[in-house]
Amino acid sequence: MRTFDRYINRKRITDVKKYFSTRGITSDEGIRGWCLSQEIEPPTTNYFSTTEPVQPSKVAVPEPVKVALDESGEPEVWHVPAAERPLRKSSKTGKKTTRPKTQKKNSVK
């Protein structure tokens, strides 16, 4: 018989409770029954505990955005739209200097 932990690792199951809930098993007794029918050694830990504390969900509160103000009290505009920005000029690439070809001396014999 395989152990339950070995089965979970082999199947790469990260959330046991979710895995068995989608298969209609919502209790530890249900997992034990399923394990016996599949010839797997039942787990020693409880995955569906009845005294599970309910954790309140945290809502992310966005922080207020600080805007820099200029002398007149209006928000300072620092972003220039792409259409109004000047195009970047490509950097000049250095020209390769070619070595002057030397003439072959014809040796007359």
C-alpha atoms as a PDB file:
ATOM      1  CA  MET A   1       0.000   0.000   0.000  1.00  0.00           C
ATOM      2  CA  ARG A   2       1.148   3.510  -0.779  1.00  0.00           C
ATOM      3  CA  THR A   3       0.961   6.167   1.873  1.00  0.00           C
ATOM      4  CA  PHE A   4      -1.317   9.142   1.458  1.00  0.00           C
ATOM      5  CA  ASP A   5       1.590  11.593   1.670  1.00  0.00           C
ATOM      6  CA  ARG A   6       3.402   9.748  -1.105  1.00  0.00           C
ATOM      7  CA  TYR A   7       0.247   9.892  -3.264  1.00  0.00           C
ATOM      8  CA  ILE A   8      -0.074  13.668  -2.681  1.00  0.00           C
ATOM      9  CA  ASN A   9       3.589  14.289  -3.547  1.00  0.00           C
ATOM     10  CA  ARG A  10       3.412  12.053  -6.626  1.00  0.00           C
ATOM     11  CA  LYS A  11       0.345  13.904  -7.947  1.00  0.00           C
ATOM     12  CA  ARG A  12       1.930  17.259  -7.008  1.00  0.00           C
ATOM     13  CA  ILE A  13      -1.139  18.360  -5.084  1.00  0.00           C
ATOM     14  CA  THR A  14      -0.492  21.608  -3.221  1.00  0.00           C
ATOM     15  CA  ASP A  15      -3.945  22.195  -1.709  1.00  0.00           C
ATOM     16  CA  VAL A  16      -5.382  18.878  -0.487  1.00  0.00           C
ATOM     17  CA  LYS A  17      -8.625  20.403   0.719  1.00  0.00           C
ATOM     18  CA  LYS A  18      -9.329  22.025  -2.638  1.00  0.00           C
ATOM     19  CA  TYR A  19      -8.329  18.878  -4.555  1.00  0.00           C
ATOM     20  CA  PHE A  20     -10.769  16.646  -2.695  1.00  0.00           C
ATOM     21  CA  SER A  21     -13.521  19.291  -2.516  1.00  0.00           C
ATOM     22  CA  THR A  22     -13.653  19.373  -6.320  1.00  0.00           C
ATOM     23  CA  ARG A  23     -14.120  15.584  -6.251  1.00  0.00           C
ATOM     24  CA  GLY A  24     -17.024  15.800  -3.810  1.00  0.00           C
ATOM     25  CA  ILE A  25     -15.126  14.745  -0.670  1.00  0.00           C
ATOM     26  CA  THR A  26     -15.591  17.315   2.090  1.00  0.00           C
ATOM     27  CA  SER A  27     -14.610  15.457   5.265  1.00  0.00           C
ATOM     28  CA  ASP A  28     -11.692  13.541   6.724  1.00  0.00           C
ATOM     29  CA  GLU A  29     -13.861  10.422   6.902  1.00  0.00           C
ATOM     30  CA  GLY A  30     -14.541  10.799   3.198  1.00  0.00           C
ATOM     31  CA  ILE A  31     -10.800  10.952   2.497  1.00  0.00           C
ATOM     32  CA  ARG A  32     -10.241   7.818   4.611  1.00  0.00           C
ATOM     33  CA  GLY A  33     -12.980   5.962   2.712  1.00  0.00           C
ATOM     34  CA  TRP A  34     -11.568   7.068  -0.619  1.00  0.00           C
ATOM     35  CA  CYS A  35      -8.061   5.973   0.432  1.00  0.00           C
ATOM     36  CA  LEU A  36      -9.298   2.491   1.401  1.00  0.00           C
ATOM     37  CA  SER A  37     -11.108   2.082  -1.930  1.00  0.00           C
ATOM     38  CA  GLN A  38      -7.964   3.174  -3.831  1.00  0.00           C
ATOM     39  CA  GLU A  39      -5.697   0.929  -1.714  1.00  0.00           C
ATOM     40  CA  ILE A  40      -3.859   3.890  -0.196  1.00  0.00           C
ATOM     41  CA  GLU A  41      -2.940   4.111   3.470  1.00  0.00           C
ATOM     42  CA  PRO A  42      -5.202   6.787   5.049  1.00  0.00           C
ATOM     43  CA  PRO A  43      -3.629  10.080   6.160  1.00  0.00           C
ATOM     44  CA  THR A  44      -2.643  10.659   9.755  1.00  0.00           C
ATOM     45  CA  THR A  45      -3.432  14.386   9.686  1.00  0.00           C
ATOM     46  CA  ASN A  46      -6.835  16.013   9.400  1.00  0.00           C
ATOM     47  CA  TYR A  47      -7.286  18.167   6.318  1.00  0.00           C
ATOM     48  CA  PHE A  48     -10.927  19.106   6.913  1.00  0.00           C
ATOM     49  CA  SER A  49     -10.938  20.326  10.508  1.00  0.00           C
ATOM     50  CA  THR A  50     -14.281  21.357  11.970  1.00  0.00           C
ATOM     51  CA  THR A  51     -12.788  24.021  14.257  1.00  0.00           C
ATOM     52  CA  GLU A  52     -11.012  25.947  11.518  1.00  0.00           C
ATOM     53  CA  PRO A  53     -10.917  29.654  12.404  1.00  0.00           C
ATOM     54  CA  VAL A  54     -12.397  31.980   9.841  1.00  0.00           C
ATOM     55  CA  GLN A  55      -9.852  34.565   8.766  1.00  0.00           C
ATOM     56  CA  PRO A  56     -11.204  37.935   7.705  1.00  0.00           C
ATOM     57  CA  SER A  57     -10.206  38.836   4.194  1.00  0.00           C
ATOM     58  CA  LYS A  58      -7.945  41.831   3.944  1.00  0.00           C
ATOM     59  CA  VAL A  59      -8.886  44.479   1.440  1.00  0.00           C
ATOM     60  CA  ALA A  60      -5.948  46.320  -0.058  1.00  0.00           C
ATOM     61  CA  VAL A  61      -6.378  50.026   0.575  1.00  0.00           C
ATOM     62  CA  PRO A  62      -4.531  52.067  -2.018  1.00  0.00           C
ATOM     63  CA  GLU A  63      -2.284  54.742  -0.622  1.00  0.00           C
ATOM     64  CA  PRO A  64      -3.080  58.288  -1.678  1.00  0.00           C
ATOM     65  CA  VAL A  65      -0.856  59.515  -4.473  1.00  0.00           C
ATOM     66  CA  LYS A  66       1.228  62.549  -3.571  1.00  0.00           C
ATOM     67  CA  VAL A  67       1.281  65.169  -6.292  1.00  0.00           C
ATOM     68  CA  ALA A  68       3.969  67.825  -6.433  1.00  0.00           C
ATOM     69  CA  LEU A  69       2.529  71.344  -6.706  1.00  0.00           C
ATOM     70  CA  ASP A  70       4.200  74.264  -8.446  1.00  0.00           C
ATOM     71  CA  GLU A  71       4.049  77.917  -7.289  1.00  0.00           C
ATOM     72  CA  SER A  72       0.506  78.491  -8.560  1.00  0.00           C
ATOM     73  CA  GLY A  73      -0.834  75.514  -6.617  1.00  0.00           C
ATOM     74  CA  GLU A  74      -1.529  73.390  -9.684  1.00  0.00           C
ATOM     75  CA  PRO A  75      -0.094  69.917 -10.051  1.00  0.00           C
ATOM     76  CA  GLU A  76       3.339  69.956 -11.608  1.00  0.00           C
ATOM     77  CA  VAL A  77       3.389  68.248 -14.974  1.00  0.00           C
ATOM     78  CA  TRP A  78       6.551  66.229 -15.414  1.00  0.00           C
ATOM     79  CA  HIS A  79       5.421  63.777 -18.055  1.00  0.00           C
ATOM     80  CA  VAL A  80       5.632  64.834 -21.674  1.00  0.00           C
ATOM     81  CA  PRO A  81       3.536  62.714 -24.049  1.00  0.00           C
ATOM     82  CA  ALA A  82       5.457  60.683 -26.598  1.00  0.00           C
ATOM     83  CA  ALA A  83       4.018  62.648 -29.518  1.00  0.00           C
ATOM     84  CA  GLU A  84       5.472  65.870 -28.150  1.00  0.00           C
ATOM     85  CA  ARG A  85       8.907  64.521 -27.264  1.00  0.00           C
ATOM     86  CA  PRO A  86      11.731  65.075 -29.712  1.00  0.00           C
ATOM     87  CA  LEU A  87      12.927  62.034 -31.556  1.00  0.00           C
ATOM     88  CA  ARG A  88      16.211  60.671 -30.380  1.00  0.00           C
ATOM     89  CA  LYS A  89      18.996  61.058 -32.798  1.00  0.00           C
ATOM     90  CA  SER A  90      20.983  57.950 -33.344  1.00  0.00           C
ATOM     91  CA  SER A  91      24.514  58.138 -32.181  1.00  0.00           C
ATOM     92  CA  LYS A  92      27.124  58.530 -34.826  1.00  0.00           C
ATOM     93  CA  THR A  93      28.857  55.315 -35.506  1.00  0.00           C
ATOM     94  CA  GLY A  94      32.532  55.514 -36.149  1.00  0.00           C
ATOM     95  CA  LYS A  95      33.586  54.865 -39.703  1.00  0.00           C
ATOM     96  CA  LYS A  96      35.932  52.023 -40.221  1.00  0.00           C
ATOM     97  CA  THR A  97      39.192  53.119 -41.641  1.00  0.00           C
ATOM     98  CA  THR A  98      40.366  50.804 -44.310  1.00  0.00           C
ATOM     99  CA  ARG A  99      43.996  50.140 -44.724  1.00  0.00           C
ATOM    100  CA  PRO A 100      45.322  51.287 -48.043  1.00  0.00           C
ATOM    101  CA  LYS A 101      46.045  48.341 -50.211  1.00  0.00           C
ATOM    102  CA  THR A 102      49.590  47.963 -51.147  1.00  0.00           C
ATOM    103  CA  GLN A 103      50.446  47.185 -54.671  1.00  0.00           C
ATOM    104  CA  LYS A 104      52.054  43.912 -55.325  1.00  0.00           C
ATOM    105  CA  LYS A 105      55.444  44.353 -56.788  1.00  0.00           C
ATOM    106  CA  ASN A 106      55.890  42.386 -59.889  1.00  0.00           C
ATOM    107  CA  SER A 107      59.153  40.738 -59.733  1.00  0.00           C
ATOM    108  CA  VAL A 108      60.560  40.298 -63.158  1.00  0.00           C
ATOM    109  CA  LYS A 109      63.159  37.675 -63.456  1.00  0.00           C
END
